[in-house]
C-alpha cells in the first residue's frame, strides 16, 4: 500500500496557503515585480474541462519559479462571467443569470483550489460585477469624449475640437475621422443646429456609430464574433448565422496603428509573435485608386499596396456585401448575384478568408474603366474580398497575387504579364524586388519603388488617386 497519502497532504498545504495568504502579491515591496496573467474562464455549468489546467499549469509553474527567484509575483484569477454564454445558460435552465453564474463560479473555485494553483485570490475579478464593468463603461466614455489629433499624434478632448470648429472650421484639422467629412468654416458651424453639430462630431469621436458588416444570429438575437461561429452556425445552440449590415458602436483604434507598430520595436517578444501582431494591426502603405463604372456616375475606390502593378489589372472584385453591388448589377446577372450573396451571408469572415481551396464568384455584368488605358475592366463579386477590410473592393492583378491568379484561372479571365523576364505560366509572381515592370506604358523598365512613385504621381495628376 502506498505511503503517499496525497489527498491529506494536498488538503493540508492548500489550507495553509489559504490561511497564510501565501500567494498574495504585496503592493509595497522591495522585490522586483512580475505579472503572470491567465485568460479568465467562462464559468459554465459543466465545470472545468481539460483545457483549463492545460494552460493554467504552465503559467502556474512559471509564477512559482519567479517567486523562488525572488520576484514579487502578481498571479490573479477571475471569471469572464458577463455576456451571451451566461445569458444562454440561464435561458436553457430557466433560472436568473445571477443565480446560475454565482453557482457556477463556486464550482469553478472549488475545482481550481483542489488543483492547487498559486493564484492571488484577493485580486479576483468577475466581469459580471458592476464594480468591474463600470470601468469598461468608463473607458468607452473616455473614447467617446475624445478625438485623435494626427499632428500631435495623440487623443485630445472633444471639447477642444468644438472650439476649433467654432473659431476656424475644420479646414486645417488633421484628424482620424470618417471618410467624406464635409468641409465647413466657423460661420457654417455656428449656423448648424445642435443635432447637426453632434452628427459632425460623431465623425471624429474615437467611438462612433457606423453601419458595419456583422455576424447576426436571429435565434440568439445578437451579434457574434468569428470565434463563436462553426460552419455557419452559432457555437452555442447551433443556430444559423448570416452576414448583414447593422448600425453599431465602433472604435477608431486604427488611429493608433503606427504607435502600436512603433511600440513593437521596444518590447522583448519573439519575432514570430511580433510578426503576428504586425499583421493583426494591419496598417498598409499604398494608394487609393478610383475606377469609374461604365455608363454610370458611380466610382469604386480601391486601396492597393502595389500601385506599380496597375497595368496588370484585368478584373475587379467586390465583396458580396459591397453597397454598389445592387446598383451596378445588370438585369441579366441579378438572379445569379442575389443567389451568391445569400449563400455568402451564411459564412463568417474567418471561414471565407481561410478557405483557399474553393474558388467562387459571380460576374455582375458591369464594367469599370481603367484610369490609364481606358479599357473595360469586368467587375465580379467574390467572397475572398471582405466589405470591412479596406474599401471592400480590390483591383485584381492576377500576375502578381496568387488569389487573383487562381480566381482568373478558374473563371478564364485574362492574366496579362507586367513583370519583365518572369514566367507566370504556373503561378503568380509575388516578389517586389529584383524585377522590372513591363507592358505598362510610362512605367516600363522601372523597378518597384520608382514605378510605385510614378504611378501615384500620375494618378494624382488625372484625379484618379
Protein backbone atom coordinates (compact mmCIF):
# COMPACT_ATOMS: atom_id res chain seq x y z
CA UNK A 1 0.00 0.00 0.00
CA UNK A 2 1.30 3.45 -0.91
CA UNK A 3 2.64 5.60 1.93
CA UNK A 4 1.99 8.76 -0.09
CA UNK A 5 -1.44 9.95 1.02
CA UNK A 6 -1.75 12.78 -1.49
CA UNK A 7 -5.29 13.73 -0.52
CA UNK A 8 -4.26 14.50 3.03
CA UNK A 9 -1.01 16.21 2.03
CA UNK A 10 -2.63 18.40 -0.63
CA UNK A 11 -5.53 19.36 1.66
CA UNK A 12 -3.11 20.31 4.46
CA UNK A 13 -0.99 22.60 2.33
CA UNK A 14 -3.87 24.13 0.43
CA UNK A 15 -5.44 25.10 3.74
CA UNK A 16 -2.09 26.51 4.89
CA UNK A 17 -1.72 28.60 1.70
CA UNK A 18 -5.26 29.98 2.08
CA UNK A 19 -4.82 30.83 5.78
CA UNK A 20 -1.39 32.46 5.37
CA UNK A 21 -2.28 34.23 2.08
CA UNK A 22 0.92 32.71 0.71
CA UNK A 23 0.41 33.85 -2.87
CA UNK A 24 -0.92 37.34 -2.22
CA UNK A 25 1.18 39.95 -4.03
CA UNK A 26 2.22 42.94 -1.94
CA UNK A 27 1.51 46.40 -3.28
CA UNK A 28 4.56 47.75 -1.48
CA UNK A 29 7.65 45.58 -1.79
CA UNK A 30 11.36 45.99 -2.38
CA UNK A 31 11.31 42.90 -4.59
CA UNK A 32 11.20 43.24 -8.39
CA UNK A 33 7.68 42.89 -9.77
CA UNK A 34 6.46 40.16 -12.12
CA UNK A 35 2.98 39.74 -13.61
CA UNK A 36 1.60 36.36 -14.75
CA UNK A 37 -1.90 36.61 -16.26
CA UNK A 38 -4.13 33.75 -17.36
CA UNK A 39 -7.16 34.01 -19.60
CA UNK A 40 -10.19 34.17 -17.31
CA UNK A 41 -12.56 31.22 -17.82
CA UNK A 42 -16.25 31.48 -18.55
CA UNK A 43 -17.91 29.67 -15.61
CA UNK A 44 -20.16 27.16 -17.36
CA UNK A 45 -22.39 24.70 -15.55
CA UNK A 46 -20.21 21.80 -16.65
CA UNK A 47 -17.27 22.97 -14.56
CA UNK A 48 -13.63 22.90 -15.64
CA UNK A 49 -12.60 20.93 -18.71
CA UNK A 50 -9.18 19.53 -19.54
CA UNK A 51 -8.20 22.67 -21.49
CA UNK A 52 -8.27 24.82 -18.36
CA UNK A 53 -5.49 23.11 -16.39
CA UNK A 54 -3.62 22.53 -19.65
CA UNK A 55 -2.95 26.27 -19.80
CA UNK A 56 -3.05 27.13 -16.10
CA UNK A 57 -0.43 24.53 -15.08
CA UNK A 58 2.19 26.04 -17.38
CA UNK A 59 1.64 29.60 -16.15
CA UNK A 60 1.49 28.42 -12.53
CA UNK A 61 4.86 26.68 -12.88
CA UNK A 62 6.33 29.90 -14.17
CA UNK A 63 4.73 32.01 -11.42
CA UNK A 64 6.19 29.71 -8.76
CA UNK A 65 9.57 29.74 -10.48
CA UNK A 66 9.70 33.55 -10.46
CA UNK A 67 8.75 33.63 -6.77
CA UNK A 68 11.64 31.30 -6.00
CA UNK A 69 13.90 33.64 -7.99
CA UNK A 70 13.00 36.48 -5.65
CA UNK A 71 10.19 38.28 -7.52
CA UNK A 72 7.01 39.78 -6.08
CA UNK A 73 4.68 37.88 -8.41
CA UNK A 74 1.13 39.02 -9.18
CA UNK A 75 -0.78 35.97 -10.45
CA UNK A 76 -4.52 36.79 -10.32
CA UNK A 77 -7.55 34.84 -11.44
CA UNK A 78 -11.12 35.75 -12.29
CA UNK A 79 -14.18 34.84 -14.32
CA UNK A 80 -15.42 36.08 -17.69
CA UNK A 81 -18.98 35.81 -16.43
CA UNK A 82 -20.73 38.55 -18.42
CA UNK A 83 -22.43 38.24 -21.79
CA UNK A 84 -24.04 35.77 -24.15
CA UNK A 85 -22.87 32.45 -22.61
CA UNK A 86 -24.25 33.37 -19.18
CA UNK A 87 -27.48 34.61 -20.75
CA UNK A 88 -27.96 31.47 -22.83
CA UNK A 89 -27.24 29.15 -19.93
CA UNK A 90 -29.82 30.98 -17.81
CA UNK A 91 -32.41 30.69 -20.61
CA UNK A 92 -31.72 26.98 -21.07
CA UNK A 93 -32.07 26.24 -17.35
CA UNK A 94 -34.91 28.69 -16.71
CA UNK A 95 -33.03 30.48 -13.94
CA UNK A 96 -31.86 34.05 -13.32
CA UNK A 97 -28.31 34.54 -14.71
CA UNK A 98 -27.09 35.95 -11.38
CA UNK A 99 -28.03 32.71 -9.60
CA UNK A 100 -26.54 30.38 -12.21
CA UNK A 101 -23.39 32.47 -12.52
CA UNK A 102 -22.74 32.52 -8.77
CA UNK A 103 -23.32 28.76 -8.50
CA UNK A 104 -21.02 28.05 -11.43
CA UNK A 105 -18.29 30.29 -10.02
CA UNK A 106 -18.47 28.47 -6.68
CA UNK A 107 -17.99 25.18 -8.52
CA UNK A 108 -15.03 26.55 -10.51
CA UNK A 109 -13.39 27.95 -7.38
CA UNK A 110 -13.65 24.59 -5.64
CA UNK A 111 -12.05 22.80 -8.57
CA UNK A 112 -9.30 25.40 -9.03
CA UNK A 113 -8.44 25.22 -5.33
CA UNK A 114 -8.20 21.44 -5.43
CA UNK A 115 -5.76 21.68 -8.31
CA UNK A 116 -3.50 23.75 -6.06
CA UNK A 117 -2.80 26.75 -8.27
CA UNK A 118 -0.89 29.66 -6.75
CA UNK A 119 -3.46 32.33 -7.62
CA UNK A 120 -3.76 35.56 -5.67
CA UNK A 121 -7.47 35.28 -4.90
CA UNK A 122 -7.53 38.68 -3.21
CA UNK A 123 -7.44 40.09 -6.75
CA UNK A 124 -10.34 38.01 -8.08
CA UNK A 125 -12.22 39.62 -10.96
CA UNK A 126 -15.78 38.90 -12.07
CA UNK A 127 -16.74 40.68 -15.28
CA UNK A 128 -20.44 40.47 -14.35
CA UNK A 129 -19.95 42.61 -11.23
CA UNK A 130 -20.83 46.32 -11.51
CA UNK A 131 -17.56 47.28 -9.81
CA UNK A 132 -15.78 45.68 -12.78
CA UNK A 133 -17.86 46.65 -15.80
CA UNK A 134 -18.17 50.25 -14.64
CA UNK A 135 -14.57 50.56 -15.80
CA UNK A 136 -15.32 49.24 -19.29
CA UNK A 137 -18.11 51.81 -19.42
CA UNK A 138 -15.66 54.45 -18.18
CA UNK A 139 -13.20 53.57 -20.96
CA UNK A 140 -15.98 53.81 -23.55
CA UNK A 141 -16.95 57.28 -22.30
CA UNK A 142 -13.33 58.48 -22.39
CA UNK A 143 -13.07 57.36 -26.02
CA UNK A 144 -16.43 58.91 -26.89
CA UNK A 145 -15.30 62.23 -25.46
CA UNK A 146 -12.03 62.19 -27.44
CA UNK A 147 -10.73 62.69 -30.99
CA UNK A 148 -7.34 61.80 -32.44
CA UNK A 149 -5.11 64.70 -33.45
CA UNK A 150 -2.70 63.42 -36.12
CA UNK A 151 -0.48 66.47 -35.77
CA UNK A 152 0.08 65.89 -32.05
CA UNK A 153 -0.16 62.10 -32.58
CA UNK A 154 -2.44 61.63 -29.59
CA UNK A 155 -6.05 61.81 -28.45
CA UNK A 156 -7.48 65.11 -27.23
CA UNK A 157 -10.78 66.12 -25.56
CA UNK A 158 -13.67 66.57 -27.99
CA UNK A 159 -14.28 69.94 -26.32
CA UNK A 160 -11.06 71.22 -27.90
CA UNK A 161 -12.31 70.16 -31.33
CA UNK A 162 -15.55 72.05 -30.73
CA UNK A 163 -13.53 75.19 -30.01
CA UNK A 164 -11.51 74.74 -33.22
CA UNK A 165 -14.68 74.31 -35.27
CA UNK A 166 -16.19 77.43 -33.71
CA UNK A 167 -13.10 79.54 -34.41
CA UNK A 168 -11.94 78.31 -37.83
CA UNK A 169 -13.99 75.34 -39.05
CA UNK A 170 -12.41 72.01 -39.98
CA UNK A 171 -10.24 73.05 -42.93
CA UNK A 172 -6.95 72.74 -41.05
CA UNK A 173 -7.86 69.86 -38.77
CA UNK A 174 -5.67 66.79 -39.20
CA UNK A 175 -7.68 64.06 -37.51
CA UNK A 176 -8.60 60.41 -37.67
CA UNK A 177 -12.18 60.62 -38.90
CA UNK A 178 -14.81 59.16 -41.23
CA UNK A 179 -14.28 59.32 -44.97
CA UNK A 180 -16.13 62.03 -46.86
CA UNK A 181 -16.43 64.52 -44.00
CA UNK A 182 -17.82 67.79 -45.38
CA UNK A 183 -15.70 70.94 -45.22
CA UNK A 184 -17.10 73.86 -43.26
CA UNK A 185 -15.93 77.19 -41.82
CA UNK A 186 -16.62 78.79 -38.45
CA UNK A 187 -19.75 80.56 -39.66
CA UNK A 188 -21.15 77.33 -41.07
CA UNK A 189 -20.51 75.59 -37.74
CA UNK A 190 -22.25 78.28 -35.74
CA UNK A 191 -25.24 78.11 -38.07
CA UNK A 192 -25.70 74.36 -37.69
CA UNK A 193 -28.35 73.03 -35.33
CA UNK A 194 -27.22 71.25 -32.16
CA UNK A 195 -28.19 67.94 -33.75
CA UNK A 196 -26.14 68.66 -36.89
CA UNK A 197 -23.12 69.61 -34.77
CA UNK A 198 -23.36 66.35 -32.85
CA UNK A 199 -23.59 64.40 -36.11
CA UNK A 200 -20.39 66.05 -37.33
CA UNK A 201 -18.59 65.48 -34.03
CA UNK A 202 -19.55 61.80 -34.21
CA UNK A 203 -17.48 61.57 -37.40
CA UNK A 204 -14.41 62.46 -35.32
CA UNK A 205 -15.04 60.73 -31.98
CA UNK A 206 -12.94 57.67 -31.11
CA UNK A 207 -16.14 55.72 -30.50
CA UNK A 208 -18.81 56.27 -33.13
CA UNK A 209 -21.91 54.77 -34.72
CA UNK A 210 -21.45 53.13 -38.10
CA UNK A 211 -23.11 50.69 -40.48
CA UNK A 212 -20.84 47.64 -40.40
CA UNK A 213 -20.98 44.04 -41.56
CA UNK A 214 -21.66 41.71 -38.64
CA UNK A 215 -22.39 38.05 -37.94
CA UNK A 216 -26.07 38.13 -36.95
CA UNK A 217 -27.80 35.20 -35.25
CA UNK A 218 -31.59 35.79 -35.34
CA UNK A 219 -32.30 32.95 -32.90
CA UNK A 220 -29.92 34.33 -30.27
CA UNK A 221 -30.84 37.91 -31.11
CA UNK A 222 -27.25 39.09 -31.04
CA UNK A 223 -24.06 39.73 -33.00
CA UNK A 224 -21.40 37.00 -32.78
CA UNK A 225 -17.62 37.14 -33.09
CA UNK A 226 -15.93 34.97 -35.71
CA UNK A 227 -14.71 32.69 -32.90
CA UNK A 228 -18.32 31.96 -31.94
CA UNK A 229 -19.28 30.52 -35.35
CA UNK A 230 -18.67 26.99 -36.62
CA UNK A 231 -19.57 26.12 -40.22
CA UNK A 232 -22.06 28.96 -40.48
CA UNK A 233 -23.79 28.07 -37.20
CA UNK A 234 -23.54 29.58 -33.73
CA UNK A 235 -21.17 27.66 -31.50
CA UNK A 236 -23.71 27.97 -28.69
CA UNK A 237 -27.00 26.40 -29.70
CA UNK A 238 -26.14 25.57 -33.31
CA UNK A 239 -28.33 28.28 -34.82
CA UNK A 240 -27.93 29.75 -38.35
CA UNK A 241 -25.76 32.87 -38.63
CA UNK A 242 -25.91 35.36 -41.51
CA UNK A 243 -23.84 38.35 -42.54
CA UNK A 244 -25.74 41.61 -42.56
CA UNK A 245 -25.20 45.33 -42.09
CA UNK A 246 -26.19 46.81 -38.77
CA UNK A 247 -25.66 50.16 -37.08
CA UNK A 248 -23.47 49.64 -34.05
CA UNK A 249 -20.77 51.27 -31.99
CA UNK A 250 -17.26 51.04 -33.37
CA UNK A 251 -13.88 52.21 -32.10
CA UNK A 252 -11.44 54.23 -34.19
CA UNK A 253 -8.50 52.15 -32.93
CA UNK A 254 -6.85 52.31 -36.37
CA UNK A 255 -5.79 55.84 -35.39
CA UNK A 256 -3.21 54.20 -33.13
CA UNK A 257 -1.86 51.80 -35.77
CA UNK A 258 1.53 53.48 -36.24
CA UNK A 259 2.06 53.92 -32.50
CA UNK A 260 1.26 50.24 -31.95
CA UNK A 261 3.70 49.23 -34.66
CA UNK A 262 6.40 51.50 -33.25
CA UNK A 263 5.84 50.05 -29.80
CA UNK A 264 6.62 46.55 -31.04
CA UNK A 265 10.21 47.68 -31.56
CA UNK A 266 10.66 48.27 -27.83
CA UNK A 267 9.36 45.03 -26.31
CA UNK A 268 11.22 41.79 -25.74
CA UNK A 269 8.99 39.40 -27.68
CA UNK A 270 9.90 36.61 -30.13
CA UNK A 271 9.89 37.85 -33.73
CA UNK A 272 7.11 35.46 -34.89
CA UNK A 273 4.85 36.94 -32.20
CA UNK A 274 5.76 40.46 -33.30
CA UNK A 275 5.00 39.49 -36.91
CA UNK A 276 1.55 38.21 -35.96
CA UNK A 277 0.86 41.46 -34.10
CA UNK A 278 2.03 43.48 -37.10
CA UNK A 279 -0.35 41.54 -39.35
CA UNK A 280 -3.20 42.00 -36.85
CA UNK A 281 -2.64 45.76 -36.63
CA UNK A 282 -2.83 45.72 -40.40
CA UNK A 283 -1.54 49.15 -41.30
CA UNK A 284 -0.74 49.27 -45.01
CA UNK A 285 1.09 51.78 -47.17
CA UNK A 286 -0.09 52.34 -50.70
CA UNK A 287 -2.53 54.35 -52.79
CA UNK A 288 -6.26 54.69 -53.31
CA UNK A 289 -7.26 54.34 -56.97
CA UNK A 290 -10.65 55.46 -58.28
CA UNK A 291 -12.26 53.33 -61.01
CA UNK A 292 -15.26 54.84 -62.78
CA UNK A 293 -18.11 52.46 -63.53
CA UNK A 294 -19.00 52.41 -67.23
CA UNK A 295 -22.35 54.03 -68.11
CA UNK A 296 -22.78 55.15 -64.51
CA UNK A 297 -21.98 58.01 -62.16
CA UNK A 298 -20.62 55.53 -59.61
CA UNK A 299 -16.93 55.35 -58.71
CA UNK A 300 -15.24 52.41 -56.99
CA UNK A 301 -12.31 53.39 -54.73
CA UNK A 302 -9.70 50.68 -54.30
CA UNK A 303 -6.77 50.69 -51.89
CA UNK A 304 -3.66 48.95 -53.17
CA UNK A 305 -0.21 48.44 -51.74
CA UNK A 306 1.07 47.85 -55.30
CA UNK A 307 0.14 50.85 -57.48
CA UNK A 308 3.13 49.87 -59.65
CA UNK A 309 1.07 46.92 -60.95
CA UNK A 310 -1.91 48.95 -62.12
CA UNK A 311 -1.46 47.94 -65.77
CA UNK A 312 -1.79 44.32 -64.69
CA UNK A 313 -5.43 44.81 -63.66
CA UNK A 314 -7.68 42.50 -65.69
CA UNK A 315 -10.76 42.49 -63.44
CA UNK A 316 -12.11 43.92 -60.19
CA UNK A 317 -13.66 42.01 -57.30
CA UNK A 318 -16.13 43.50 -54.84
CA UNK A 319 -17.21 41.97 -51.55
CA UNK A 320 -20.69 40.47 -51.98
CA UNK A 321 -21.92 42.91 -49.31
CA UNK A 322 -20.47 45.99 -51.04
CA UNK A 323 -23.05 48.76 -51.27
CA UNK A 324 -22.52 49.22 -55.02
CA UNK A 325 -23.25 45.61 -55.99
CA UNK A 326 -27.02 46.07 -56.24
CA UNK A 327 -26.60 49.42 -58.01
CA UNK A 328 -24.34 48.20 -60.81
CA UNK A 329 -25.51 44.60 -61.37
CA UNK A 330 -27.21 44.20 -64.75
CA UNK A 331 -30.71 42.66 -65.01
CA UNK A 332 -29.28 39.61 -66.78
CA UNK A 333 -26.97 38.85 -63.83
CA UNK A 334 -29.28 39.88 -60.98
CA UNK A 335 -30.65 36.44 -60.10
CA UNK A 336 -27.21 34.83 -60.06
CA UNK A 337 -25.75 37.67 -57.98
CA UNK A 338 -28.62 37.52 -55.46
CA UNK A 339 -28.19 33.76 -55.05
CA UNK A 340 -24.47 34.13 -54.47
CA UNK A 341 -24.97 36.91 -51.90
CA UNK A 342 -27.45 34.76 -49.98
CA UNK A 343 -25.01 31.85 -49.91
CA UNK A 344 -22.11 34.03 -48.78
CA UNK A 345 -24.15 35.59 -45.97
CA UNK A 346 -24.14 32.21 -44.22
CA UNK A 347 -20.34 32.17 -43.88
CA UNK A 348 -18.22 34.04 -41.35
CA UNK A 349 -15.34 36.26 -42.44
CA UNK A 350 -12.88 33.81 -40.91
CA UNK A 351 -14.30 30.91 -42.94
CA UNK A 352 -14.14 32.96 -46.10
CA UNK A 353 -10.54 34.01 -45.60
CA UNK A 354 -9.39 30.54 -44.52
CA UNK A 355 -10.99 28.77 -47.49
CA UNK A 356 -8.33 28.88 -50.20
CA UNK A 357 -9.41 25.64 -51.90
CA UNK A 358 -12.90 26.60 -53.07
CA UNK A 359 -12.97 29.41 -55.64
CA UNK A 360 -16.35 31.09 -56.03
CA UNK A 361 -17.60 34.30 -57.58
CA UNK A 362 -20.15 35.84 -59.93
CA UNK A 363 -19.84 38.42 -62.72
CA UNK A 364 -22.06 41.47 -62.11
CA UNK A 365 -22.39 42.25 -65.82
CA UNK A 366 -20.88 45.71 -65.18
CA UNK A 367 -17.51 47.14 -66.20
CA UNK A 368 -15.16 49.71 -64.75
CA UNK A 369 -12.87 51.88 -66.85
CA UNK A 370 -9.13 51.59 -66.35
CA UNK A 371 -7.84 55.05 -65.31
CA UNK A 372 -4.92 54.95 -67.78
CA UNK A 373 -5.62 52.52 -70.63
CA UNK A 374 -9.37 53.32 -70.64
CA UNK A 375 -10.05 49.63 -71.31
CA UNK A 376 -13.07 47.83 -69.84
CA UNK A 377 -12.41 46.05 -66.55
CA UNK A 378 -15.08 43.42 -65.69
CA UNK A 379 -16.50 43.74 -62.17
CA UNK A 380 -17.02 40.49 -60.24
CA UNK A 381 -18.06 39.72 -56.70
CA UNK A 382 -16.17 37.13 -54.67
CA UNK A 383 -16.27 36.02 -51.04
CA UNK A 384 -12.49 36.29 -50.63
CA UNK A 385 -12.98 40.07 -50.54
CA UNK A 386 -14.35 41.43 -47.24
CA UNK A 387 -16.53 44.53 -47.00
CA UNK A 388 -14.92 45.55 -43.72
CA UNK A 389 -11.33 45.41 -44.98
CA UNK A 390 -10.07 48.40 -46.93
CA UNK A 391 -12.74 49.66 -49.29
CA UNK A 392 -14.37 46.27 -49.81
CA UNK A 393 -13.03 46.15 -53.37
CA UNK A 394 -9.79 45.02 -54.98
CA UNK A 395 -8.21 45.77 -58.33
CA UNK A 396 -7.24 42.25 -59.31
CA UNK A 397 -3.72 41.82 -60.68
CA UNK A 398 -3.58 38.06 -61.28
CA UNK A 399 0.05 38.02 -62.40
CA UNK A 400 1.11 39.47 -59.02
CA UNK A 401 -1.34 37.98 -56.49
CA UNK A 402 -1.94 34.25 -56.04
CA UNK A 403 -5.59 34.51 -55.04
CA UNK A 404 -6.33 36.76 -58.01
CA UNK A 405 -4.33 34.34 -60.18
CA UNK A 406 -6.38 31.33 -59.02
CA UNK A 407 -9.63 33.28 -59.48
CA UNK A 408 -8.67 34.29 -63.01
CA UNK A 409 -7.63 30.74 -63.94
CA UNK A 410 -10.88 29.33 -62.57
CA UNK A 411 -13.10 31.76 -64.47
CA UNK A 412 -10.90 32.00 -67.59
CA UNK A 413 -10.10 35.70 -67.12
CA UNK A 414 -7.01 37.09 -68.96
CA UNK A 415 -3.76 37.27 -66.97
CA UNK A 416 -1.54 39.96 -68.53
CA UNK A 417 2.11 39.75 -67.51
CA UNK A 418 3.67 43.04 -66.40
CA UNK A 419 6.90 41.61 -64.94
CA UNK A 420 9.90 41.64 -67.25
CA UNK A 421 11.52 38.25 -67.90
CA UNK A 422 9.29 36.49 -65.33
CA UNK A 423 7.40 33.26 -66.05
CA UNK A 424 3.82 33.32 -64.72
CA UNK A 425 2.56 30.23 -66.56
CA UNK A 426 2.10 28.26 -63.34
CA UNK A 427 1.79 30.80 -60.53
CA UNK A 428 1.72 34.49 -59.70
CA UNK A 429 4.94 36.40 -59.10
CA UNK A 430 4.59 37.99 -55.66
CA UNK A 431 8.08 39.40 -55.11
CA UNK A 432 8.65 43.17 -55.22
CA UNK A 433 12.38 43.38 -55.70
CA UNK A 434 14.80 42.28 -58.39
CA UNK A 435 12.45 42.75 -61.32
CA UNK A 436 11.33 45.49 -63.70
CA UNK A 437 7.84 46.49 -64.81
CA UNK A 438 6.87 45.90 -68.45
CA UNK A 439 3.78 46.17 -70.70
CA UNK A 440 2.86 49.20 -68.58
CA UNK A 441 3.18 52.29 -70.76
CA UNK A 442 5.03 55.02 -68.80
CA UNK A 443 6.09 52.52 -66.09
CA UNK A 444 8.09 50.31 -68.44
CA UNK A 445 11.57 49.28 -67.24
CA UNK A 446 11.12 50.86 -63.80
CA UNK A 447 11.84 48.94 -60.57
CA UNK A 448 9.19 48.58 -57.87
CA UNK A 449 9.96 51.72 -55.84
CA UNK A 450 10.25 54.08 -58.81
CA UNK A 451 7.22 52.59 -60.56
CA UNK A 452 5.17 53.00 -57.38
CA UNK A 453 6.10 56.66 -57.03
CA UNK A 454 5.47 57.34 -60.73
CA UNK A 455 2.08 55.59 -60.69
CA UNK A 456 0.93 57.57 -57.64
CA UNK A 457 2.08 60.86 -59.20
CA UNK A 458 0.20 60.16 -62.45
CA UNK A 459 -2.94 59.07 -60.59
CA UNK A 460 -2.90 62.34 -58.69
CA UNK A 461 -2.41 64.30 -61.92
CA UNK A 462 -5.53 62.84 -63.53
CA UNK A 463 -7.57 62.95 -60.32
CA UNK A 464 -7.89 59.17 -60.03
CA UNK A 465 -5.89 58.62 -56.85
